[in-house]
Amino acid sequence: MRTIRTTTGAEIPLDGDLLTVLETLFREITAKRELARSYEDVMHEIQHLIAQMDEEERRRYLTESLFLNSVTYENERLGAYMKKLAGK
């Protein structure tokens, strides 16, 4: 299995698991810096990772990302709807 590296040298296996990428980003960018990171820091790291992927890997991770975001969005909307119903 192919791997890519963060700017700190942490390896990420490209097995299609978006959560592995997100957990590594959190550990290497947010936790190691004790929450002292900026939008630019995170974007720079994401761009660094994407630059190491080929077209098919980018497509796979974009698909996974859109799916995860759609589920998160649905859950937030449903949560707001349930709160609205409970408040009536």
PDB file of N, CA and C in Angstrom:
ATOM      1  N   MET A   1       0.852  -1.177   0.000  1.00  0.00           N
ATOM      2  CA  MET A   1       0.000   0.000   0.000  1.00  0.00           C
ATOM      3  C   MET A   1       0.900   1.242   0.000  1.00  0.00           C
ATOM      4  N   ARG A   2       0.520   2.192  -0.812  1.00  0.00           N
ATOM      5  CA  ARG A   2       1.268   3.430  -0.918  1.00  0.00           C
ATOM      6  C   ARG A   2       0.999   4.328   0.288  1.00  0.00           C
ATOM      7  N   THR A   3       1.989   5.111   0.684  1.00  0.00           N
ATOM      8  CA  THR A   3       1.816   6.063   1.779  1.00  0.00           C
ATOM      9  C   THR A   3       2.268   7.436   1.330  1.00  0.00           C
ATOM     10  N   ILE A   4       1.746   8.436   2.016  1.00  0.00           N
ATOM     11  CA  ILE A   4       2.201   9.814   1.844  1.00  0.00           C
ATOM     12  C   ILE A   4       2.663  10.297   3.207  1.00  0.00           C
ATOM     13  N   ARG A   5       3.326  11.436   3.231  1.00  0.00           N
ATOM     14  CA  ARG A   5       3.863  11.964   4.494  1.00  0.00           C
ATOM     15  C   ARG A   5       3.382  13.403   4.731  1.00  0.00           C
ATOM     16  N   THR A   6       3.176  13.690   5.999  1.00  0.00           N
ATOM     17  CA  THR A   6       2.882  15.068   6.392  1.00  0.00           C
ATOM     18  C   THR A   6       4.186  15.857   6.368  1.00  0.00           C
ATOM     19  N   THR A   7       4.114  17.155   6.563  1.00  0.00           N
ATOM     20  CA  THR A   7       5.329  17.967   6.610  1.00  0.00           C
ATOM     21  C   THR A   7       6.177  17.640   7.837  1.00  0.00           C
ATOM     22  N   THR A   8       5.559  17.011   8.840  1.00  0.00           N
ATOM     23  CA  THR A   8       6.308  16.597  10.033  1.00  0.00           C
ATOM     24  C   THR A   8       6.905  15.197   9.880  1.00  0.00           C
ATOM     25  N   GLY A   9       6.601  14.537   8.761  1.00  0.00           N
ATOM     26  CA  GLY A   9       7.156  13.224   8.490  1.00  0.00           C
ATOM     27  C   GLY A   9       6.269  12.041   8.847  1.00  0.00           C
ATOM     28  N   ALA A  10       5.094  12.302   9.382  1.00  0.00           N
ATOM     29  CA  ALA A  10       4.180  11.207   9.731  1.00  0.00           C
ATOM     30  C   ALA A  10       3.652  10.558   8.456  1.00  0.00           C
ATOM     31  N   GLU A  11       3.650   9.234   8.436  1.00  0.00           N
ATOM     32  CA  GLU A  11       3.158   8.501   7.275  1.00  0.00           C
ATOM     33  C   GLU A  11       1.654   8.286   7.356  1.00  0.00           C
ATOM     34  N   ILE A  12       1.004   8.380   6.200  1.00  0.00           N
ATOM     35  CA  ILE A  12      -0.428   8.114   6.096  1.00  0.00           C
ATOM     36  C   ILE A  12      -0.619   7.084   4.988  1.00  0.00           C
ATOM     37  N   PRO A  13      -1.169   5.909   5.312  1.00  0.00           N
ATOM     38  CA  PRO A  13      -1.434   4.932   4.261  1.00  0.00           C
ATOM     39  C   PRO A  13      -2.617   5.384   3.411  1.00  0.00           C
ATOM     40  N   LEU A  14      -2.499   5.231   2.115  1.00  0.00           N
ATOM     41  CA  LEU A  14      -3.587   5.623   1.217  1.00  0.00           C
ATOM     42  C   LEU A  14      -4.481   4.415   0.948  1.00  0.00           C
ATOM     43  N   ASP A  15      -5.277   4.091   1.965  1.00  0.00           N
ATOM     44  CA  ASP A  15      -6.169   2.939   1.864  1.00  0.00           C
ATOM     45  C   ASP A  15      -7.628   3.352   1.703  1.00  0.00           C
ATOM     46  N   GLY A  16      -7.869   4.645   1.447  1.00  0.00           N
ATOM     47  CA  GLY A  16      -9.227   5.141   1.253  1.00  0.00           C
ATOM     48  C   GLY A  16      -9.929   5.546   2.526  1.00  0.00           C
ATOM     49  N   ASP A  17      -9.277   5.432   3.666  1.00  0.00           N
ATOM     50  CA  ASP A  17      -9.893   5.757   4.954  1.00  0.00           C
ATOM     51  C   ASP A  17      -9.653   7.229   5.284  1.00  0.00           C
ATOM     52  N   LEU A  18     -10.657   8.040   5.047  1.00  0.00           N
ATOM     53  CA  LEU A  18     -10.555   9.477   5.286  1.00  0.00           C
ATOM     54  C   LEU A  18     -10.289   9.788   6.756  1.00  0.00           C
ATOM     55  N   LEU A  19     -10.853   9.001   7.657  1.00  0.00           N
ATOM     56  CA  LEU A  19     -10.664   9.269   9.088  1.00  0.00           C
ATOM     57  C   LEU A  19      -9.201   9.143   9.499  1.00  0.00           C
ATOM     58  N   THR A  20      -8.459   8.260   8.847  1.00  0.00           N
ATOM     59  CA  THR A  20      -7.025   8.151   9.128  1.00  0.00           C
ATOM     60  C   THR A  20      -6.322   9.462   8.787  1.00  0.00           C
ATOM     61  N   VAL A  21      -6.680  10.039   7.660  1.00  0.00           N
ATOM     62  CA  VAL A  21      -6.101  11.321   7.244  1.00  0.00           C
ATOM     63  C   VAL A  21      -6.476  12.406   8.248  1.00  0.00           C
ATOM     64  N   LEU A  22      -7.750  12.467   8.629  1.00  0.00           N
ATOM     65  CA  LEU A  22      -8.213  13.490   9.567  1.00  0.00           C
ATOM     66  C   LEU A  22      -7.555  13.339  10.934  1.00  0.00           C
ATOM     67  N   GLU A  23      -7.439  12.116  11.413  1.00  0.00           N
ATOM     68  CA  GLU A  23      -6.794  11.882  12.708  1.00  0.00           C
ATOM     69  C   GLU A  23      -5.318  12.284  12.675  1.00  0.00           C
ATOM     70  N   THR A  24      -4.658  11.978  11.574  1.00  0.00           N
ATOM     71  CA  THR A  24      -3.250  12.358  11.449  1.00  0.00           C
ATOM     72  C   THR A  24      -3.101  13.864  11.379  1.00  0.00           C
ATOM     73  N   LEU A  25      -3.963  14.531  10.623  1.00  0.00           N
ATOM     74  CA  LEU A  25      -3.929  15.996  10.566  1.00  0.00           C
ATOM     75  C   LEU A  25      -4.117  16.590  11.959  1.00  0.00           C
ATOM     76  N   PHE A  26      -5.086  16.072  12.704  1.00  0.00           N
ATOM     77  CA  PHE A  26      -5.327  16.577  14.056  1.00  0.00           C
ATOM     78  C   PHE A  26      -4.091  16.382  14.930  1.00  0.00           C
ATOM     79  N   ARG A  27      -3.546  15.181  14.908  1.00  0.00           N
ATOM     80  CA  ARG A  27      -2.393  14.868  15.758  1.00  0.00           C
ATOM     81  C   ARG A  27      -1.180  15.719  15.389  1.00  0.00           C
ATOM     82  N   GLU A  28      -0.883  15.828  14.090  1.00  0.00           N
ATOM     83  CA  GLU A  28       0.332  16.497  13.642  1.00  0.00           C
ATOM     84  C   GLU A  28       0.221  18.020  13.613  1.00  0.00           C
ATOM     85  N   ILE A  29      -0.964  18.544  13.375  1.00  0.00           N
ATOM     86  CA  ILE A  29      -1.120  20.004  13.254  1.00  0.00           C
ATOM     87  C   ILE A  29      -1.718  20.617  14.524  1.00  0.00           C
ATOM     88  N   THR A  30      -2.754  20.028  15.046  1.00  0.00           N
ATOM     89  CA  THR A  30      -3.459  20.624  16.182  1.00  0.00           C
ATOM     90  C   THR A  30      -2.870  20.201  17.523  1.00  0.00           C
ATOM     91  N   ALA A  31      -2.756  18.912  17.757  1.00  0.00           N
ATOM     92  CA  ALA A  31      -2.293  18.422  19.065  1.00  0.00           C
ATOM     93  C   ALA A  31      -0.828  18.764  19.322  1.00  0.00           C
ATOM     94  N   LYS A  32       0.030  18.524  18.358  1.00  0.00           N
ATOM     95  CA  LYS A  32       1.458  18.810  18.568  1.00  0.00           C
ATOM     96  C   LYS A  32       1.718  20.286  18.801  1.00  0.00           C
ATOM     97  N   ARG A  33       0.865  21.127  18.275  1.00  0.00           N
ATOM     98  CA  ARG A  33       1.036  22.577  18.460  1.00  0.00           C
ATOM     99  C   ARG A  33       0.188  23.102  19.612  1.00  0.00           C
ATOM    100  N   GLU A  34      -0.373  22.180  20.383  1.00  0.00           N
ATOM    101  CA  GLU A  34      -1.209  22.529  21.538  1.00  0.00           C
ATOM    102  C   GLU A  34      -2.295  23.527  21.171  1.00  0.00           C
ATOM    103  N   LEU A  35      -3.000  23.232  20.093  1.00  0.00           N
ATOM    104  CA  LEU A  35      -4.130  24.011  19.565  1.00  0.00           C
ATOM    105  C   LEU A  35      -3.725  25.348  18.947  1.00  0.00           C
ATOM    106  N   ALA A  36      -2.427  25.642  18.894  1.00  0.00           N
ATOM    107  CA  ALA A  36      -1.952  26.913  18.318  1.00  0.00           C
ATOM    108  C   ALA A  36      -1.676  26.711  16.828  1.00  0.00           C
ATOM    109  N   ARG A  37      -2.732  26.662  16.061  1.00  0.00           N
ATOM    110  CA  ARG A  37      -2.609  26.522  14.620  1.00  0.00           C
ATOM    111  C   ARG A  37      -3.635  27.424  13.960  1.00  0.00           C
ATOM    112  N   SER A  38      -3.380  27.763  12.717  1.00  0.00           N
ATOM    113  CA  SER A  38      -4.265  28.674  11.996  1.00  0.00           C
ATOM    114  C   SER A  38      -4.925  27.952  10.827  1.00  0.00           C
ATOM    115  N   TYR A  39      -5.864  28.627  10.238  1.00  0.00           N
ATOM    116  CA  TYR A  39      -6.505  28.143   9.020  1.00  0.00           C
ATOM    117  C   TYR A  39      -5.445  27.878   7.959  1.00  0.00           C
ATOM    118  N   GLU A  40      -4.510  28.795   7.835  1.00  0.00           N
ATOM    119  CA  GLU A  40      -3.445  28.669   6.840  1.00  0.00           C
ATOM    120  C   GLU A  40      -2.567  27.445   7.101  1.00  0.00           C
ATOM    121  N   ASP A  41      -2.280  27.163   8.367  1.00  0.00           N
ATOM    122  CA  ASP A  41      -1.487  25.985   8.722  1.00  0.00           C
ATOM    123  C   ASP A  41      -2.170  24.702   8.244  1.00  0.00           C
ATOM    124  N   VAL A  42      -3.457  24.610   8.525  1.00  0.00           N
ATOM    125  CA  VAL A  42      -4.208  23.412   8.156  1.00  0.00           C
ATOM    126  C   VAL A  42      -4.313  23.307   6.637  1.00  0.00           C
ATOM    127  N   MET A  43      -4.620  24.403   5.968  1.00  0.00           N
ATOM    128  CA  MET A  43      -4.730  24.385   4.508  1.00  0.00           C
ATOM    129  C   MET A  43      -3.401  24.024   3.862  1.00  0.00           C
ATOM    130  N   HIS A  44      -2.326  24.539   4.376  1.00  0.00           N
ATOM    131  CA  HIS A  44      -1.005  24.221   3.832  1.00  0.00           C
ATOM    132  C   HIS A  44      -0.748  22.715   3.944  1.00  0.00           C
ATOM    133  N   GLU A  45      -1.072  22.139   5.080  1.00  0.00           N
ATOM    134  CA  GLU A  45      -0.854  20.697   5.282  1.00  0.00           C
ATOM    135  C   GLU A  45      -1.743  19.877   4.356  1.00  0.00           C
ATOM    136  N   ILE A  46      -3.001  20.257   4.230  1.00  0.00           N
ATOM    137  CA  ILE A  46      -3.917  19.541   3.326  1.00  0.00           C
ATOM    138  C   ILE A  46      -3.404  19.613   1.893  1.00  0.00           C
ATOM    139  N   GLN A  47      -2.978  20.793   1.459  1.00  0.00           N
ATOM    140  CA  GLN A  47      -2.454  20.945   0.101  1.00  0.00           C
ATOM    141  C   GLN A  47      -1.189  20.115  -0.096  1.00  0.00           C
ATOM    142  N   HIS A  48      -0.367  20.027   0.932  1.00  0.00           N
ATOM    143  CA  HIS A  48       0.842  19.209   0.874  1.00  0.00           C
ATOM    144  C   HIS A  48       0.481  17.734   0.664  1.00  0.00           C
ATOM    145  N   LEU A  49      -0.537  17.259   1.384  1.00  0.00           N
ATOM    146  CA  LEU A  49      -0.967  15.868   1.242  1.00  0.00           C
ATOM    147  C   LEU A  49      -1.577  15.610  -0.131  1.00  0.00           C
ATOM    148  N   ILE A  50      -2.428  16.507  -0.588  1.00  0.00           N
ATOM    149  CA  ILE A  50      -3.082  16.344  -1.893  1.00  0.00           C
ATOM    150  C   ILE A  50      -2.059  16.317  -3.020  1.00  0.00           C
ATOM    151  N   ALA A  51      -1.008  17.119  -2.904  1.00  0.00           N
ATOM    152  CA  ALA A  51       0.020  17.177  -3.950  1.00  0.00           C
ATOM    153  C   ALA A  51       0.737  15.838  -4.123  1.00  0.00           C
ATOM    154  N   GLN A  52       0.707  14.999  -3.082  1.00  0.00           N
ATOM    155  CA  GLN A  52       1.365  13.696  -3.151  1.00  0.00           C
ATOM    156  C   GLN A  52       0.468  12.601  -3.720  1.00  0.00           C
ATOM    157  N   MET A  53      -0.807  12.912  -3.920  1.00  0.00           N
ATOM    158  CA  MET A  53      -1.765  11.920  -4.416  1.00  0.00           C
ATOM    159  C   MET A  53      -1.863  11.983  -5.934  1.00  0.00           C
ATOM    160  N   ASP A  54      -2.146  10.823  -6.527  1.00  0.00           N
ATOM    161  CA  ASP A  54      -2.427  10.832  -7.962  1.00  0.00           C
ATOM    162  C   ASP A  54      -3.914  11.132  -8.167  1.00  0.00           C
ATOM    163  N   GLU A  55      -4.328  11.235  -9.409  1.00  0.00           N
ATOM    164  CA  GLU A  55      -5.704  11.622  -9.722  1.00  0.00           C
ATOM    165  C   GLU A  55      -6.738  10.664  -9.126  1.00  0.00           C
ATOM    166  N   GLU A  56      -6.502   9.386  -9.229  1.00  0.00           N
ATOM    167  CA  GLU A  56      -7.451   8.397  -8.684  1.00  0.00           C
ATOM    168  C   GLU A  56      -7.535   8.486  -7.169  1.00  0.00           C
ATOM    169  N   GLU A  57      -6.432   8.686  -6.492  1.00  0.00           N
ATOM    170  CA  GLU A  57      -6.440   8.828  -5.028  1.00  0.00           C
ATOM    171  C   GLU A  57      -7.192  10.084  -4.618  1.00  0.00           C
ATOM    172  N   ARG A  58      -6.970  11.182  -5.336  1.00  0.00           N
ATOM    173  CA  ARG A  58      -7.714  12.411  -5.032  1.00  0.00           C
ATOM    174  C   ARG A  58      -9.212  12.203  -5.215  1.00  0.00           C
ATOM    175  N   ARG A  59      -9.585  11.527  -6.291  1.00  0.00           N
ATOM    176  CA  ARG A  59     -11.004  11.264  -6.561  1.00  0.00           C
ATOM    177  C   ARG A  59     -11.610  10.426  -5.433  1.00  0.00           C
ATOM    178  N   ARG A  60     -10.887   9.402  -4.996  1.00  0.00           N
ATOM    179  CA  ARG A  60     -11.383   8.524  -3.931  1.00  0.00           C
ATOM    180  C   ARG A  60     -11.580   9.293  -2.629  1.00  0.00           C
ATOM    181  N   TYR A  61     -10.597  10.122  -2.277  1.00  0.00           N
ATOM    182  CA  TYR A  61     -10.696  10.870  -1.025  1.00  0.00           C
ATOM    183  C   TYR A  61     -11.711  12.008  -1.105  1.00  0.00           C
ATOM    184  N   LEU A  62     -11.885  12.606  -2.276  1.00  0.00           N
ATOM    185  CA  LEU A  62     -12.932  13.625  -2.435  1.00  0.00           C
ATOM    186  C   LEU A  62     -14.306  12.988  -2.271  1.00  0.00           C
ATOM    187  N   THR A  63     -14.501  11.833  -2.876  1.00  0.00           N
ATOM    188  CA  THR A  63     -15.777  11.119  -2.741  1.00  0.00           C
ATOM    189  C   THR A  63     -16.058  10.804  -1.283  1.00  0.00           C
ATOM    190  N   GLU A  64     -15.073  10.273  -0.581  1.00  0.00           N
ATOM    191  CA  GLU A  64     -15.222   9.949   0.837  1.00  0.00           C
ATOM    192  C   GLU A  64     -15.519  11.208   1.655  1.00  0.00           C
ATOM    193  N   SER A  65     -14.833  12.297   1.334  1.00  0.00           N
ATOM    194  CA  SER A  65     -15.033  13.552   2.049  1.00  0.00           C
ATOM    195  C   SER A  65     -16.443  14.102   1.838  1.00  0.00           C
ATOM    196  N   LEU A  66     -16.906  14.086   0.602  1.00  0.00           N
ATOM    197  CA  LEU A  66     -18.266  14.574   0.328  1.00  0.00           C
ATOM    198  C   LEU A  66     -19.312  13.714   1.023  1.00  0.00           C
ATOM    199  N   PHE A  67     -19.100  12.406   1.038  1.00  0.00           N
ATOM    200  CA  PHE A  67     -20.032  11.529   1.730  1.00  0.00           C
ATOM    201  C   PHE A  67     -20.069  11.848   3.226  1.00  0.00           C
ATOM    202  N   LEU A  68     -18.894  11.929   3.843  1.00  0.00           N
ATOM    203  CA  LEU A  68     -18.820  12.226   5.272  1.00  0.00           C
ATOM    204  C   LEU A  68     -19.461  13.580   5.587  1.00  0.00           C
ATOM    205  N   ASN A  69     -19.201  14.568   4.764  1.00  0.00           N
ATOM    206  CA  ASN A  69     -19.783  15.886   4.990  1.00  0.00           C
ATOM    207  C   ASN A  69     -21.292  15.883   4.795  1.00  0.00           C
ATOM    208  N   SER A  70     -21.799  15.107   3.835  1.00  0.00           N
ATOM    209  CA  SER A  70     -23.252  15.055   3.641  1.00  0.00           C
ATOM    210  C   SER A  70     -23.933  14.398   4.833  1.00  0.00           C
ATOM    211  N   VAL A  71     -23.325  13.359   5.389  1.00  0.00           N
ATOM    212  CA  VAL A  71     -23.887  12.694   6.569  1.00  0.00           C
ATOM    213  C   VAL A  71     -23.852  13.646   7.770  1.00  0.00           C
ATOM    214  N   THR A  72     -22.754  14.350   7.946  1.00  0.00           N
ATOM    215  CA  THR A  72     -22.634  15.317   9.042  1.00  0.00           C
ATOM    216  C   THR A  72     -23.690  16.408   8.906  1.00  0.00           C
ATOM    217  N   TYR A  73     -23.851  16.917   7.691  1.00  0.00           N
ATOM    218  CA  TYR A  73     -24.849  17.961   7.431  1.00  0.00           C
ATOM    219  C   TYR A  73     -26.258  17.451   7.747  1.00  0.00           C
ATOM    220  N   GLU A  74     -26.573  16.255   7.271  1.00  0.00           N
ATOM    221  CA  GLU A  74     -27.891  15.672   7.545  1.00  0.00           C
ATOM    222  C   GLU A  74     -28.125  15.532   9.043  1.00  0.00           C
ATOM    223  N   ASN A  75     -27.110  15.046   9.763  1.00  0.00           N
ATOM    224  CA  ASN A  75     -27.254  14.871  11.209  1.00  0.00           C
ATOM    225  C   ASN A  75     -27.479  16.203  11.915  1.00  0.00           C
ATOM    226  N   GLU A  76     -26.783  17.246  11.491  1.00  0.00           N
ATOM    227  CA  GLU A  76     -26.973  18.568  12.093  1.00  0.00           C
ATOM    228  C   GLU A  76     -28.373  19.094  11.806  1.00  0.00           C
ATOM    229  N   ARG A  77     -28.844  18.926  10.581  1.00  0.00           N
ATOM    230  CA  ARG A  77     -30.196  19.377  10.229  1.00  0.00           C
ATOM    231  C   ARG A  77     -31.255  18.614  11.014  1.00  0.00           C
ATOM    232  N   LEU A  78     -31.084  17.296  11.100  1.00  0.00           N
ATOM    233  CA  LEU A  78     -32.041  16.492  11.853  1.00  0.00           C
ATOM    234  C   LEU A  78     -32.015  16.846  13.339  1.00  0.00           C
ATOM    235  N   GLY A  79     -30.833  17.119  13.878  1.00  0.00           N
ATOM    236  CA  GLY A  79     -30.721  17.538  15.272  1.00  0.00           C
ATOM    237  C   GLY A  79     -31.455  18.838  15.529  1.00  0.00           C
ATOM    238  N   ALA A  80     -31.305  19.790  14.629  1.00  0.00           N
ATOM    239  CA  ALA A  80     -31.997  21.078  14.764  1.00  0.00           C
ATOM    240  C   ALA A  80     -33.505  20.881  14.664  1.00  0.00           C
ATOM    241  N   TYR A  81     -33.932  20.023  13.762  1.00  0.00           N
ATOM    242  CA  TYR A  81     -35.361  19.738  13.598  1.00  0.00           C
ATOM    243  C   TYR A  81     -35.926  19.088  14.860  1.00  0.00           C
ATOM    244  N   MET A  82     -35.186  18.151  15.430  1.00  0.00           N
ATOM    245  CA  MET A  82     -35.648  17.475  16.647  1.00  0.00           C
ATOM    246  C   MET A  82     -35.749  18.457  17.823  1.00  0.00           C
ATOM    247  N   LYS A  83     -34.785  19.385  17.915  1.00  0.00           N
ATOM    248  CA  LYS A  83     -34.843  20.399  18.971  1.00  0.00           C
ATOM    249  C   LYS A  83     -36.059  21.294  18.782  1.00  0.00           C
ATOM    250  N   LYS A  84     -36.342  21.620  17.530  1.00  0.00           N
ATOM    251  CA  LYS A  84     -37.503  22.463  17.228  1.00  0.00           C
ATOM    252  C   LYS A  84     -38.784  21.742  17.626  1.00  0.00           C
ATOM    253  N   LEU A  85     -38.871  20.454  17.315  1.00  0.00           N
ATOM    254  CA  LEU A  85     -40.050  19.674  17.689  1.00  0.00           C
ATOM    255  C   LEU A  85     -40.206  19.553  19.200  1.00  0.00           C
ATOM    256  N   ALA A  86     -39.080  19.376  19.884  1.00  0.00           N
ATOM    257  CA  ALA A  86     -39.113  19.241  21.337  1.00  0.00           C
ATOM    258  C   ALA A  86     -39.509  20.542  22.023  1.00  0.00           C
ATOM    259  N   GLY A  87     -39.201  21.672  21.379  1.00  0.00           N
ATOM    260  CA  GLY A  87     -39.496  22.971  21.957  1.00  0.00           C
ATOM    261  C   GLY A  87     -40.936  23.399  21.802  1.00  0.00           C
ATOM    262  N   LYS A  88     -41.713  22.701  20.999  1.00  0.00           N
ATOM    263  CA  LYS A  88     -43.126  23.088  20.774  1.00  0.00           C
ATOM    264  C   LYS A  88     -44.024  22.578  21.844  1.00  0.00           C
TER     265      LYS A  88
END
